[in-house]
């Protein structure tokens, strides 16, 4: 039986709004989200509880339950908060260099301890709210990275009709495959190798958008 001080099952309350609060509200949010990241990194999804987050953050449990509702709400807000930054993809002067630098950022984040990024990805398979927030974050990051491809087109490195999303996925996918699926140790050569492979394929037209009139 659920009491007013117990976490509600995921899906019974709406996710938190994506506003950017200020003052005391912003401080509370920052404290709670920092606690979520720390607890998730140390204990994983199964060890993440509302009470532990409240205790670690120093925010009253009633406030945590009232604002975030459940673990899914907390995870979704952590992921949504990642889109509130001013991050931009690297600009090294070449497509391969940009992709290699981007891949290096991914590998560094995935290999960090505690493994918060990997834990968030894993949690998105357990929580519907986290899954939707993870998708929003991917969409945000891919949209920001499209400039990498448009710069390469302007420099003459790529055909004009190159599909930015397909190229970016091809360039970064080996990192996630190795680190998330196979769980292999970070390979210092992988970011550059994956970038080079994708850049060469893109220059040869592998990611060219098809023309509706001829289907190519």
N, C-alpha and C. Protein backbone atom coordinates (compact mmCIF):
# COMPACT_ATOMS: atom_id res chain seq x y z
N UNK A 1 0.85 -1.20 0.00
CA UNK A 1 0.00 0.00 0.00
C UNK A 1 0.88 1.24 0.00
N UNK A 2 0.52 2.21 -0.81
CA UNK A 2 1.31 3.42 -0.95
C UNK A 2 0.78 4.48 -0.01
N UNK A 3 1.69 5.05 0.78
CA UNK A 3 1.33 6.14 1.67
C UNK A 3 1.86 7.43 1.08
N UNK A 4 1.44 8.60 1.57
CA UNK A 4 1.91 9.86 1.01
C UNK A 4 3.42 10.03 1.05
N UNK A 5 4.13 9.30 1.91
CA UNK A 5 5.58 9.46 2.02
C UNK A 5 6.32 8.34 1.30
N UNK A 6 5.62 7.44 0.64
CA UNK A 6 6.26 6.38 -0.13
C UNK A 6 6.37 6.82 -1.57
N UNK A 7 7.41 6.32 -2.28
CA UNK A 7 7.52 6.64 -3.71
C UNK A 7 6.36 6.05 -4.47
N UNK A 8 5.81 6.82 -5.40
CA UNK A 8 4.73 6.31 -6.22
C UNK A 8 5.28 5.52 -7.38
N UNK A 9 4.54 4.51 -7.88
CA UNK A 9 5.03 3.74 -9.03
C UNK A 9 5.25 4.65 -10.21
N UNK A 10 6.28 4.32 -10.99
CA UNK A 10 6.60 5.11 -12.16
C UNK A 10 5.43 5.14 -13.10
N UNK A 11 5.11 6.31 -13.60
CA UNK A 11 4.02 6.46 -14.54
C UNK A 11 2.77 7.03 -13.91
N UNK A 12 2.71 7.11 -12.54
CA UNK A 12 1.52 7.62 -11.90
C UNK A 12 1.55 9.13 -11.73
N UNK A 13 2.74 9.73 -11.95
CA UNK A 13 2.86 11.17 -11.87
C UNK A 13 3.59 11.68 -13.09
N UNK A 14 3.28 12.91 -13.52
CA UNK A 14 3.97 13.44 -14.70
C UNK A 14 5.41 13.76 -14.39
N UNK A 15 6.28 13.74 -15.41
CA UNK A 15 7.68 14.10 -15.20
C UNK A 15 7.80 15.56 -14.85
N UNK A 16 8.89 15.97 -14.20
CA UNK A 16 9.07 17.37 -13.87
C UNK A 16 9.18 18.23 -15.11
N UNK A 17 8.71 19.47 -14.98
CA UNK A 17 8.78 20.37 -16.13
C UNK A 17 10.23 20.77 -16.37
N UNK A 18 10.53 21.14 -17.64
CA UNK A 18 11.90 21.47 -18.01
C UNK A 18 12.14 22.97 -17.92
N UNK A 19 11.72 23.56 -16.81
CA UNK A 19 12.01 24.98 -16.61
C UNK A 19 13.42 25.13 -16.05
N UNK A 20 13.90 26.36 -16.03
CA UNK A 20 15.22 26.64 -15.48
C UNK A 20 15.06 27.53 -14.27
N UNK A 21 14.79 26.93 -13.11
CA UNK A 21 14.51 27.72 -11.92
C UNK A 21 15.75 28.43 -11.43
N UNK A 22 15.52 29.46 -10.62
CA UNK A 22 16.64 30.19 -10.06
C UNK A 22 16.55 30.22 -8.55
N UNK A 23 17.56 30.80 -7.91
CA UNK A 23 17.54 30.97 -6.47
C UNK A 23 17.53 29.67 -5.69
N UNK A 24 16.71 29.65 -4.64
CA UNK A 24 16.66 28.48 -3.77
C UNK A 24 16.22 27.23 -4.52
N UNK A 25 15.26 27.39 -5.43
CA UNK A 25 14.77 26.24 -6.20
C UNK A 25 15.90 25.62 -7.02
N UNK A 26 16.73 26.47 -7.63
CA UNK A 26 17.85 25.97 -8.42
C UNK A 26 18.87 25.26 -7.54
N UNK A 27 19.10 25.79 -6.34
CA UNK A 27 20.06 25.15 -5.42
C UNK A 27 19.56 23.78 -4.99
N UNK A 28 18.28 23.69 -4.69
CA UNK A 28 17.71 22.40 -4.29
C UNK A 28 17.83 21.40 -5.43
N UNK A 29 17.49 21.84 -6.64
CA UNK A 29 17.59 20.94 -7.79
C UNK A 29 19.02 20.46 -7.98
N UNK A 30 19.98 21.37 -7.88
CA UNK A 30 21.38 21.00 -8.07
C UNK A 30 21.82 20.00 -7.00
N UNK A 31 21.43 20.23 -5.75
CA UNK A 31 21.80 19.31 -4.66
C UNK A 31 21.22 17.92 -4.91
N UNK A 32 19.96 17.87 -5.30
CA UNK A 32 19.30 16.58 -5.50
C UNK A 32 19.89 15.85 -6.69
N UNK A 33 20.09 16.54 -7.80
CA UNK A 33 20.62 15.88 -8.98
C UNK A 33 22.06 15.42 -8.77
N UNK A 34 22.84 16.19 -8.03
CA UNK A 34 24.20 15.74 -7.69
C UNK A 34 24.13 14.45 -6.87
N UNK A 35 23.17 14.39 -5.96
CA UNK A 35 23.01 13.19 -5.14
C UNK A 35 22.57 11.99 -5.97
N UNK A 36 21.69 12.22 -6.95
CA UNK A 36 21.26 11.13 -7.83
C UNK A 36 22.45 10.57 -8.59
N UNK A 37 23.26 11.45 -9.15
CA UNK A 37 24.43 10.99 -9.91
C UNK A 37 25.38 10.19 -9.02
N UNK A 38 25.61 10.68 -7.82
CA UNK A 38 26.53 9.99 -6.91
C UNK A 38 25.98 8.63 -6.50
N UNK A 39 24.71 8.58 -6.14
CA UNK A 39 24.10 7.31 -5.72
C UNK A 39 24.05 6.33 -6.88
N UNK A 40 23.71 6.81 -8.06
CA UNK A 40 23.64 5.93 -9.23
C UNK A 40 25.01 5.39 -9.58
N UNK A 41 26.02 6.26 -9.53
CA UNK A 41 27.37 5.82 -9.84
C UNK A 41 27.89 4.80 -8.85
N UNK A 42 27.53 4.94 -7.58
CA UNK A 42 28.04 4.04 -6.55
C UNK A 42 27.24 2.75 -6.43
N UNK A 43 25.91 2.85 -6.61
CA UNK A 43 25.05 1.70 -6.30
C UNK A 43 24.25 1.17 -7.49
N UNK A 44 24.27 1.89 -8.62
CA UNK A 44 23.51 1.44 -9.77
C UNK A 44 22.02 1.69 -9.60
N UNK A 45 21.27 1.33 -10.63
CA UNK A 45 19.82 1.59 -10.62
C UNK A 45 19.13 0.86 -9.48
N UNK A 46 19.48 -0.39 -9.25
CA UNK A 46 18.79 -1.18 -8.23
C UNK A 46 19.03 -0.65 -6.82
N UNK A 47 20.15 0.06 -6.62
CA UNK A 47 20.44 0.60 -5.31
C UNK A 47 20.03 2.05 -5.14
N UNK A 48 19.41 2.62 -6.16
CA UNK A 48 19.01 4.03 -6.12
C UNK A 48 17.63 4.15 -5.48
N UNK A 49 17.54 4.89 -4.39
CA UNK A 49 16.26 5.09 -3.71
C UNK A 49 16.02 6.57 -3.46
N UNK A 50 14.74 6.91 -3.34
CA UNK A 50 14.38 8.29 -3.06
C UNK A 50 14.93 8.73 -1.71
N UNK A 51 14.83 7.85 -0.70
CA UNK A 51 15.29 8.22 0.64
C UNK A 51 16.80 8.44 0.67
N UNK A 52 17.55 7.60 -0.07
CA UNK A 52 19.00 7.77 -0.10
C UNK A 52 19.37 9.09 -0.77
N UNK A 53 18.65 9.44 -1.84
CA UNK A 53 18.91 10.71 -2.52
C UNK A 53 18.60 11.88 -1.59
N UNK A 54 17.48 11.79 -0.88
CA UNK A 54 17.12 12.87 0.04
C UNK A 54 18.18 13.03 1.13
N UNK A 55 18.61 11.90 1.71
CA UNK A 55 19.60 11.95 2.78
C UNK A 55 20.92 12.52 2.28
N UNK A 56 21.34 12.08 1.12
CA UNK A 56 22.63 12.52 0.60
C UNK A 56 22.60 13.99 0.19
N UNK A 57 21.49 14.44 -0.32
CA UNK A 57 21.39 15.82 -0.80
C UNK A 57 21.15 16.81 0.32
N UNK A 58 20.63 16.32 1.47
CA UNK A 58 20.27 17.23 2.56
C UNK A 58 18.96 17.94 2.33
N UNK A 59 18.19 17.47 1.33
CA UNK A 59 16.88 18.03 1.03
C UNK A 59 15.82 17.13 1.65
N UNK A 60 14.83 17.71 2.27
CA UNK A 60 13.80 16.93 2.95
C UNK A 60 13.13 15.95 1.98
N UNK A 61 12.92 14.74 2.46
CA UNK A 61 12.36 13.70 1.60
C UNK A 61 11.00 14.10 1.02
N UNK A 62 10.20 14.84 1.79
CA UNK A 62 8.90 15.27 1.29
C UNK A 62 9.05 16.16 0.07
N UNK A 63 10.06 17.02 0.09
CA UNK A 63 10.33 17.89 -1.07
C UNK A 63 10.74 17.06 -2.27
N UNK A 64 11.58 16.06 -2.05
CA UNK A 64 12.04 15.21 -3.15
C UNK A 64 10.87 14.46 -3.76
N UNK A 65 10.02 13.87 -2.91
CA UNK A 65 8.86 13.14 -3.44
C UNK A 65 7.89 14.07 -4.15
N UNK A 66 7.67 15.24 -3.57
CA UNK A 66 6.69 16.16 -4.16
C UNK A 66 7.14 16.66 -5.52
N UNK A 67 8.42 16.96 -5.65
CA UNK A 67 8.88 17.54 -6.91
C UNK A 67 9.17 16.50 -7.98
N UNK A 68 9.80 15.38 -7.60
CA UNK A 68 10.22 14.40 -8.62
C UNK A 68 9.35 13.15 -8.67
N UNK A 69 8.63 12.86 -7.62
CA UNK A 69 7.64 11.78 -7.65
C UNK A 69 8.18 10.39 -7.46
N UNK A 70 9.18 10.02 -8.24
CA UNK A 70 9.72 8.67 -8.18
C UNK A 70 11.12 8.66 -8.79
N UNK A 71 11.73 7.49 -8.80
CA UNK A 71 13.09 7.36 -9.33
C UNK A 71 13.14 7.75 -10.81
N UNK A 72 12.12 7.38 -11.55
CA UNK A 72 12.09 7.75 -12.96
C UNK A 72 12.11 9.25 -13.16
N UNK A 73 11.39 9.98 -12.31
CA UNK A 73 11.39 11.43 -12.39
C UNK A 73 12.76 12.02 -12.10
N UNK A 74 13.46 11.45 -11.12
CA UNK A 74 14.81 11.91 -10.80
C UNK A 74 15.77 11.68 -11.97
N UNK A 75 15.73 10.47 -12.51
CA UNK A 75 16.64 10.14 -13.61
C UNK A 75 16.35 11.00 -14.84
N UNK A 76 15.07 11.22 -15.11
CA UNK A 76 14.71 12.05 -16.27
C UNK A 76 15.23 13.47 -16.10
N UNK A 77 15.17 13.99 -14.88
CA UNK A 77 15.63 15.35 -14.67
C UNK A 77 17.16 15.44 -14.76
N UNK A 78 17.85 14.40 -14.31
CA UNK A 78 19.31 14.38 -14.47
C UNK A 78 19.66 14.45 -15.96
N UNK A 79 18.98 13.66 -16.76
CA UNK A 79 19.26 13.64 -18.20
C UNK A 79 18.84 14.94 -18.87
N UNK A 80 17.68 15.47 -18.48
CA UNK A 80 17.24 16.74 -19.05
C UNK A 80 18.19 17.87 -18.68
N UNK A 81 18.74 17.82 -17.48
CA UNK A 81 19.67 18.86 -17.03
C UNK A 81 20.92 18.89 -17.89
N UNK A 82 21.28 17.75 -18.45
CA UNK A 82 22.48 17.70 -19.30
C UNK A 82 22.31 18.52 -20.57
N UNK A 83 21.06 18.76 -20.96
CA UNK A 83 20.81 19.56 -22.17
C UNK A 83 20.78 21.05 -21.86
N UNK A 84 20.87 21.41 -20.59
CA UNK A 84 20.82 22.83 -20.21
C UNK A 84 22.18 23.51 -20.29
N UNK A 85 23.18 22.80 -20.80
CA UNK A 85 24.52 23.37 -20.84
C UNK A 85 24.76 24.09 -22.17
N UNK A 86 25.95 24.64 -22.33
CA UNK A 86 26.30 25.33 -23.58
C UNK A 86 27.34 24.55 -24.38
N UNK A 87 27.37 23.23 -24.19
CA UNK A 87 28.36 22.40 -24.87
C UNK A 87 28.22 22.52 -26.38
N UNK A 88 29.36 22.56 -27.05
CA UNK A 88 29.41 22.54 -28.50
C UNK A 88 30.47 21.52 -28.93
N UNK A 89 30.29 20.89 -30.10
CA UNK A 89 31.26 19.90 -30.55
C UNK A 89 32.60 20.54 -30.88
N UNK A 90 33.67 19.76 -30.88
CA UNK A 90 35.01 20.30 -31.17
C UNK A 90 35.08 20.87 -32.58
N UNK A 91 35.98 21.84 -32.75
CA UNK A 91 36.22 22.43 -34.07
C UNK A 91 37.74 22.43 -34.28
N UNK A 92 38.23 21.35 -34.90
CA UNK A 92 39.67 21.18 -35.07
C UNK A 92 40.16 21.61 -36.44
N UNK A 93 39.23 21.89 -37.36
CA UNK A 93 39.62 22.29 -38.70
C UNK A 93 39.50 21.19 -39.73
N UNK A 94 39.16 19.97 -39.31
CA UNK A 94 38.95 18.88 -40.27
C UNK A 94 37.86 17.96 -39.74
N UNK A 95 37.20 17.26 -40.64
CA UNK A 95 36.14 16.34 -40.24
C UNK A 95 36.71 15.22 -39.37
N UNK A 96 37.78 14.60 -39.81
CA UNK A 96 38.35 13.50 -39.04
C UNK A 96 38.78 13.98 -37.66
N UNK A 97 39.39 15.15 -37.60
CA UNK A 97 39.81 15.69 -36.31
C UNK A 97 38.64 15.97 -35.39
N UNK A 98 37.56 16.53 -35.94
CA UNK A 98 36.37 16.81 -35.13
C UNK A 98 35.76 15.52 -34.59
N UNK A 99 35.63 14.52 -35.46
CA UNK A 99 35.04 13.25 -35.04
C UNK A 99 35.91 12.53 -34.01
N UNK A 100 37.23 12.58 -34.21
CA UNK A 100 38.14 11.95 -33.26
C UNK A 100 38.06 12.61 -31.89
N UNK A 101 38.00 13.95 -31.89
CA UNK A 101 37.89 14.68 -30.62
C UNK A 101 36.56 14.39 -29.94
N UNK A 102 35.49 14.32 -30.73
CA UNK A 102 34.18 13.98 -30.19
C UNK A 102 34.20 12.57 -29.58
N UNK A 103 34.78 11.64 -30.30
CA UNK A 103 34.86 10.27 -29.79
C UNK A 103 35.71 10.19 -28.53
N UNK A 104 36.75 10.99 -28.46
CA UNK A 104 37.58 11.00 -27.26
C UNK A 104 36.79 11.50 -26.06
N UNK A 105 35.95 12.51 -26.28
CA UNK A 105 35.10 13.00 -25.19
C UNK A 105 34.16 11.89 -24.71
N UNK A 106 33.59 11.16 -25.66
CA UNK A 106 32.68 10.07 -25.30
C UNK A 106 33.41 9.00 -24.50
N UNK A 107 34.57 8.60 -24.98
CA UNK A 107 35.31 7.54 -24.29
C UNK A 107 35.74 7.98 -22.90
N UNK A 108 36.17 9.21 -22.76
CA UNK A 108 36.58 9.71 -21.46
C UNK A 108 35.40 9.71 -20.49
N UNK A 109 34.23 10.15 -20.97
CA UNK A 109 33.04 10.17 -20.11
C UNK A 109 32.60 8.77 -19.73
N UNK A 110 32.67 7.85 -20.70
CA UNK A 110 32.23 6.48 -20.43
C UNK A 110 33.17 5.76 -19.47
N UNK A 111 34.45 6.13 -19.49
CA UNK A 111 35.45 5.45 -18.67
C UNK A 111 35.62 6.10 -17.29
N UNK A 112 34.92 7.21 -17.07
CA UNK A 112 35.09 7.94 -15.81
C UNK A 112 34.58 7.11 -14.63
N UNK A 113 35.15 7.36 -13.47
CA UNK A 113 34.70 6.73 -12.23
C UNK A 113 34.21 7.81 -11.26
N UNK A 114 33.05 7.58 -10.64
CA UNK A 114 32.14 6.45 -10.85
C UNK A 114 31.51 6.50 -12.25
N UNK A 115 31.05 5.37 -12.75
CA UNK A 115 30.58 5.28 -14.13
C UNK A 115 29.17 5.83 -14.31
N UNK A 116 29.02 7.13 -14.14
CA UNK A 116 27.68 7.72 -14.14
C UNK A 116 27.04 7.65 -15.52
N UNK A 117 27.79 7.96 -16.57
CA UNK A 117 27.21 7.94 -17.92
C UNK A 117 26.73 6.54 -18.29
N UNK A 118 27.55 5.54 -18.02
CA UNK A 118 27.15 4.17 -18.32
C UNK A 118 25.95 3.77 -17.48
N UNK A 119 25.91 4.21 -16.22
CA UNK A 119 24.80 3.87 -15.34
C UNK A 119 23.51 4.51 -15.82
N UNK A 120 23.58 5.73 -16.33
CA UNK A 120 22.39 6.39 -16.85
C UNK A 120 21.87 5.68 -18.10
N UNK A 121 22.78 5.26 -18.97
CA UNK A 121 22.36 4.52 -20.16
C UNK A 121 21.69 3.22 -19.75
N UNK A 122 22.28 2.51 -18.79
CA UNK A 122 21.68 1.26 -18.30
C UNK A 122 20.33 1.51 -17.67
N UNK A 123 20.21 2.59 -16.90
CA UNK A 123 18.95 2.90 -16.23
C UNK A 123 17.84 3.21 -17.22
N UNK A 124 18.21 3.74 -18.40
CA UNK A 124 17.19 4.08 -19.39
C UNK A 124 16.47 2.84 -19.93
N UNK A 125 17.08 1.66 -19.74
CA UNK A 125 16.43 0.41 -20.14
C UNK A 125 15.50 -0.12 -19.05
N UNK A 126 15.53 0.51 -17.87
CA UNK A 126 14.73 0.06 -16.75
C UNK A 126 13.61 1.04 -16.41
N UNK A 127 13.71 2.24 -16.91
CA UNK A 127 12.76 3.29 -16.56
C UNK A 127 12.24 3.96 -17.82
N UNK A 128 10.92 3.99 -17.97
CA UNK A 128 10.33 4.60 -19.16
C UNK A 128 10.60 6.11 -19.20
N UNK A 129 10.51 6.76 -18.03
CA UNK A 129 10.77 8.19 -17.99
C UNK A 129 12.22 8.49 -18.35
N UNK A 130 13.13 7.69 -17.82
CA UNK A 130 14.55 7.88 -18.15
C UNK A 130 14.80 7.60 -19.63
N UNK A 131 14.10 6.61 -20.18
CA UNK A 131 14.28 6.29 -21.60
C UNK A 131 13.87 7.47 -22.48
N UNK A 132 12.74 8.09 -22.16
CA UNK A 132 12.30 9.25 -22.95
C UNK A 132 13.27 10.42 -22.80
N UNK A 133 13.77 10.63 -21.59
CA UNK A 133 14.72 11.71 -21.37
C UNK A 133 16.04 11.43 -22.07
N UNK A 134 16.46 10.15 -22.07
CA UNK A 134 17.68 9.78 -22.77
C UNK A 134 17.54 10.06 -24.26
N UNK A 135 16.37 9.78 -24.82
CA UNK A 135 16.13 10.05 -26.23
C UNK A 135 16.19 11.55 -26.51
N UNK A 136 15.62 12.35 -25.61
CA UNK A 136 15.68 13.80 -25.79
C UNK A 136 17.13 14.28 -25.77
N UNK A 137 17.92 13.70 -24.88
CA UNK A 137 19.33 14.10 -24.79
C UNK A 137 20.09 13.73 -26.05
N UNK A 138 19.87 12.50 -26.58
CA UNK A 138 20.53 12.10 -27.82
C UNK A 138 20.15 13.06 -28.95
N UNK A 139 18.85 13.38 -29.04
CA UNK A 139 18.40 14.29 -30.10
C UNK A 139 19.09 15.64 -29.98
N UNK A 140 19.22 16.13 -28.75
CA UNK A 140 19.89 17.41 -28.52
C UNK A 140 21.35 17.35 -28.96
N UNK A 141 22.05 16.29 -28.56
CA UNK A 141 23.47 16.19 -28.88
C UNK A 141 23.70 15.99 -30.38
N UNK A 142 22.90 15.15 -31.02
CA UNK A 142 23.07 14.96 -32.47
C UNK A 142 22.78 16.27 -33.21
N UNK A 143 21.76 17.01 -32.77
CA UNK A 143 21.45 18.27 -33.42
C UNK A 143 22.61 19.25 -33.28
N UNK A 144 23.23 19.31 -32.11
CA UNK A 144 24.36 20.22 -31.91
C UNK A 144 25.56 19.81 -32.77
N UNK A 145 25.71 18.49 -32.97
CA UNK A 145 26.87 17.99 -33.71
C UNK A 145 26.73 18.09 -35.21
N UNK A 146 25.55 18.41 -35.71
CA UNK A 146 25.38 18.51 -37.15
C UNK A 146 26.28 19.57 -37.78
N UNK A 147 26.69 20.56 -36.97
CA UNK A 147 27.58 21.59 -37.49
C UNK A 147 28.92 21.01 -37.91
N UNK A 148 29.33 19.89 -37.29
CA UNK A 148 30.58 19.22 -37.68
C UNK A 148 30.51 18.82 -39.16
N UNK A 149 29.37 18.31 -39.56
CA UNK A 149 29.20 17.86 -40.94
C UNK A 149 29.04 19.06 -41.88
N UNK A 150 28.27 20.05 -41.48
CA UNK A 150 28.07 21.22 -42.35
C UNK A 150 29.39 21.96 -42.57
N UNK A 151 30.25 22.02 -41.55
CA UNK A 151 31.56 22.66 -41.75
C UNK A 151 32.39 21.86 -42.75
N UNK A 152 32.33 20.53 -42.64
CA UNK A 152 33.10 19.69 -43.55
C UNK A 152 32.61 19.84 -44.99
N UNK A 153 31.31 20.00 -45.16
CA UNK A 153 30.76 20.22 -46.50
C UNK A 153 31.28 21.55 -47.06
N UNK A 154 31.27 22.59 -46.23
CA UNK A 154 31.75 23.90 -46.69
C UNK A 154 33.24 23.86 -47.04
N UNK A 155 34.01 23.04 -46.33
CA UNK A 155 35.44 22.92 -46.63
C UNK A 155 35.71 22.06 -47.85
N UNK A 156 34.69 21.41 -48.38
CA UNK A 156 34.86 20.56 -49.54
C UNK A 156 35.29 19.14 -49.19
N UNK A 157 35.22 18.77 -47.92
CA UNK A 157 35.61 17.42 -47.51
C UNK A 157 34.53 16.39 -47.79
N UNK A 158 33.28 16.85 -47.89
CA UNK A 158 32.15 15.94 -48.04
C UNK A 158 31.24 16.37 -49.18
N UNK A 159 30.50 15.42 -49.77
CA UNK A 159 29.49 15.79 -50.77
C UNK A 159 28.42 16.67 -50.13
N UNK A 160 27.82 17.57 -50.89
CA UNK A 160 26.84 18.51 -50.33
C UNK A 160 25.63 17.85 -49.68
N UNK A 161 25.21 16.69 -50.15
CA UNK A 161 23.99 16.06 -49.64
C UNK A 161 24.30 14.99 -48.57
N UNK A 162 25.37 15.14 -47.84
CA UNK A 162 25.72 14.17 -46.81
C UNK A 162 24.71 14.22 -45.67
N UNK A 163 24.24 13.06 -45.25
CA UNK A 163 23.28 12.94 -44.15
C UNK A 163 24.05 13.02 -42.83
N UNK A 164 23.91 14.13 -42.13
CA UNK A 164 24.68 14.36 -40.91
C UNK A 164 24.40 13.33 -39.83
N UNK A 165 23.14 13.01 -39.62
CA UNK A 165 22.79 12.07 -38.55
C UNK A 165 23.40 10.69 -38.79
N UNK A 166 23.28 10.19 -40.00
CA UNK A 166 23.83 8.87 -40.30
C UNK A 166 25.34 8.84 -40.12
N UNK A 167 26.00 9.90 -40.55
CA UNK A 167 27.46 9.97 -40.40
C UNK A 167 27.85 10.01 -38.92
N UNK A 168 27.18 10.83 -38.14
CA UNK A 168 27.51 10.95 -36.72
C UNK A 168 27.29 9.64 -35.97
N UNK A 169 26.23 8.95 -36.30
CA UNK A 169 25.97 7.66 -35.65
C UNK A 169 27.06 6.66 -36.02
N UNK A 170 27.41 6.63 -37.30
CA UNK A 170 28.45 5.69 -37.74
C UNK A 170 29.79 5.98 -37.07
N UNK A 171 30.09 7.26 -36.85
CA UNK A 171 31.37 7.63 -36.26
C UNK A 171 31.46 7.30 -34.78
N UNK A 172 30.34 7.45 -34.07
CA UNK A 172 30.36 7.27 -32.61
C UNK A 172 29.93 5.87 -32.16
N UNK A 173 29.20 5.15 -33.00
CA UNK A 173 28.67 3.84 -32.60
C UNK A 173 29.73 2.87 -32.11
N UNK A 174 30.92 2.79 -32.73
CA UNK A 174 31.93 1.84 -32.24
C UNK A 174 32.31 2.07 -30.77
N UNK A 175 32.27 3.31 -30.33
CA UNK A 175 32.60 3.60 -28.93
C UNK A 175 31.58 2.95 -27.99
N UNK A 176 30.30 3.16 -28.30
CA UNK A 176 29.24 2.60 -27.45
C UNK A 176 29.22 1.07 -27.54
N UNK A 177 29.48 0.54 -28.73
CA UNK A 177 29.51 -0.91 -28.90
C UNK A 177 30.59 -1.54 -28.03
N UNK A 178 31.76 -0.98 -28.08
CA UNK A 178 32.88 -1.54 -27.31
C UNK A 178 32.71 -1.33 -25.81
N UNK A 179 32.35 -0.12 -25.42
CA UNK A 179 32.34 0.23 -24.00
C UNK A 179 31.07 -0.18 -23.27
N UNK A 180 29.92 -0.14 -23.97
CA UNK A 180 28.64 -0.45 -23.31
C UNK A 180 28.24 -1.90 -23.53
N UNK A 181 28.28 -2.35 -24.78
CA UNK A 181 27.81 -3.70 -25.07
C UNK A 181 28.87 -4.76 -24.74
N UNK A 182 30.08 -4.57 -25.23
CA UNK A 182 31.13 -5.56 -24.98
C UNK A 182 31.86 -5.34 -23.66
N UNK A 183 31.75 -4.11 -23.14
CA UNK A 183 32.39 -3.75 -21.86
C UNK A 183 33.91 -4.01 -21.89
N UNK A 184 34.51 -3.66 -23.00
CA UNK A 184 35.96 -3.80 -23.11
C UNK A 184 36.63 -2.56 -22.52
N UNK A 185 37.86 -2.69 -22.07
CA UNK A 185 38.58 -1.53 -21.55
C UNK A 185 38.76 -0.48 -22.65
N UNK A 186 38.84 0.79 -22.26
CA UNK A 186 39.02 1.85 -23.27
C UNK A 186 40.27 1.62 -24.11
N UNK A 187 40.12 1.74 -25.42
CA UNK A 187 41.22 1.58 -26.36
C UNK A 187 41.65 2.97 -26.83
N UNK A 188 42.84 3.41 -26.53
CA UNK A 188 43.25 4.76 -26.91
C UNK A 188 43.25 4.99 -28.42
N UNK A 189 43.30 3.93 -29.20
CA UNK A 189 43.29 4.07 -30.66
C UNK A 189 41.89 4.12 -31.24
N UNK A 190 40.89 3.69 -30.49
CA UNK A 190 39.55 3.56 -31.05
C UNK A 190 38.92 4.88 -31.46
N UNK A 191 38.99 5.95 -30.66
CA UNK A 191 38.35 7.20 -31.10
C UNK A 191 38.84 7.67 -32.47
N UNK A 192 40.15 7.64 -32.69
CA UNK A 192 40.69 8.08 -33.96
C UNK A 192 40.38 7.12 -35.09
N UNK A 193 40.45 5.83 -34.80
CA UNK A 193 40.19 4.83 -35.85
C UNK A 193 38.75 4.91 -36.32
N UNK A 194 37.81 5.00 -35.38
CA UNK A 194 36.39 5.09 -35.75
C UNK A 194 36.12 6.37 -36.53
N UNK A 195 36.76 7.46 -36.12
CA UNK A 195 36.58 8.72 -36.82
C UNK A 195 37.12 8.64 -38.25
N UNK A 196 38.29 8.06 -38.40
CA UNK A 196 38.91 7.95 -39.73
C UNK A 196 38.05 7.09 -40.66
N UNK A 197 37.57 5.99 -40.15
CA UNK A 197 36.73 5.10 -40.97
C UNK A 197 35.47 5.81 -41.44
N UNK A 198 34.81 6.51 -40.52
CA UNK A 198 33.58 7.21 -40.88
C UNK A 198 33.86 8.36 -41.84
N UNK A 199 34.95 9.09 -41.62
CA UNK A 199 35.27 10.22 -42.50
C UNK A 199 35.58 9.75 -43.92
N UNK A 200 36.33 8.66 -44.04
CA UNK A 200 36.65 8.12 -45.37
C UNK A 200 35.39 7.64 -46.08
N UNK A 201 34.53 6.96 -45.35
CA UNK A 201 33.28 6.48 -45.95
C UNK A 201 32.40 7.65 -46.39
N UNK A 202 32.35 8.68 -45.54
CA UNK A 202 31.53 9.84 -45.87
C UNK A 202 32.07 10.58 -47.09
N UNK A 203 33.39 10.72 -47.19
CA UNK A 203 33.99 11.39 -48.33
C UNK A 203 33.71 10.65 -49.63
N UNK A 204 33.55 9.32 -49.53
CA UNK A 204 33.26 8.50 -50.71
C UNK A 204 31.77 8.49 -51.04
N UNK A 205 30.96 9.19 -50.25
CA UNK A 205 29.53 9.28 -50.54
C UNK A 205 28.67 8.25 -49.85
N UNK A 206 29.21 7.54 -48.85
CA UNK A 206 28.45 6.48 -48.20
C UNK A 206 27.23 7.00 -47.45
N UNK A 207 27.25 8.28 -47.06
CA UNK A 207 26.13 8.82 -46.29
C UNK A 207 25.38 9.90 -47.07
N UNK A 208 25.49 9.84 -48.38
CA UNK A 208 24.77 10.81 -49.21
C UNK A 208 23.27 10.54 -49.13
N UNK A 209 22.51 11.63 -49.01
CA UNK A 209 21.04 11.50 -48.97
C UNK A 209 20.54 11.07 -50.34
N UNK A 210 19.54 10.20 -50.32
CA UNK A 210 18.99 9.72 -51.60
C UNK A 210 18.12 10.78 -52.22
N UNK A 211 18.09 10.78 -53.55
CA UNK A 211 17.23 11.70 -54.28
C UNK A 211 15.89 11.00 -54.55
N UNK A 212 14.77 11.63 -54.16
CA UNK A 212 13.47 10.99 -54.34
C UNK A 212 13.18 10.59 -55.76
N UNK A 213 13.69 11.38 -56.72
CA UNK A 213 13.33 11.10 -58.11
C UNK A 213 14.01 9.85 -58.67
N UNK A 214 15.22 9.49 -58.13
CA UNK A 214 15.88 8.32 -58.69
C UNK A 214 16.15 7.24 -57.65
N UNK A 215 15.84 7.53 -56.37
CA UNK A 215 15.99 6.52 -55.34
C UNK A 215 17.41 6.21 -54.96
N UNK A 216 18.40 6.99 -55.43
CA UNK A 216 19.80 6.74 -55.13
C UNK A 216 20.26 7.57 -53.95
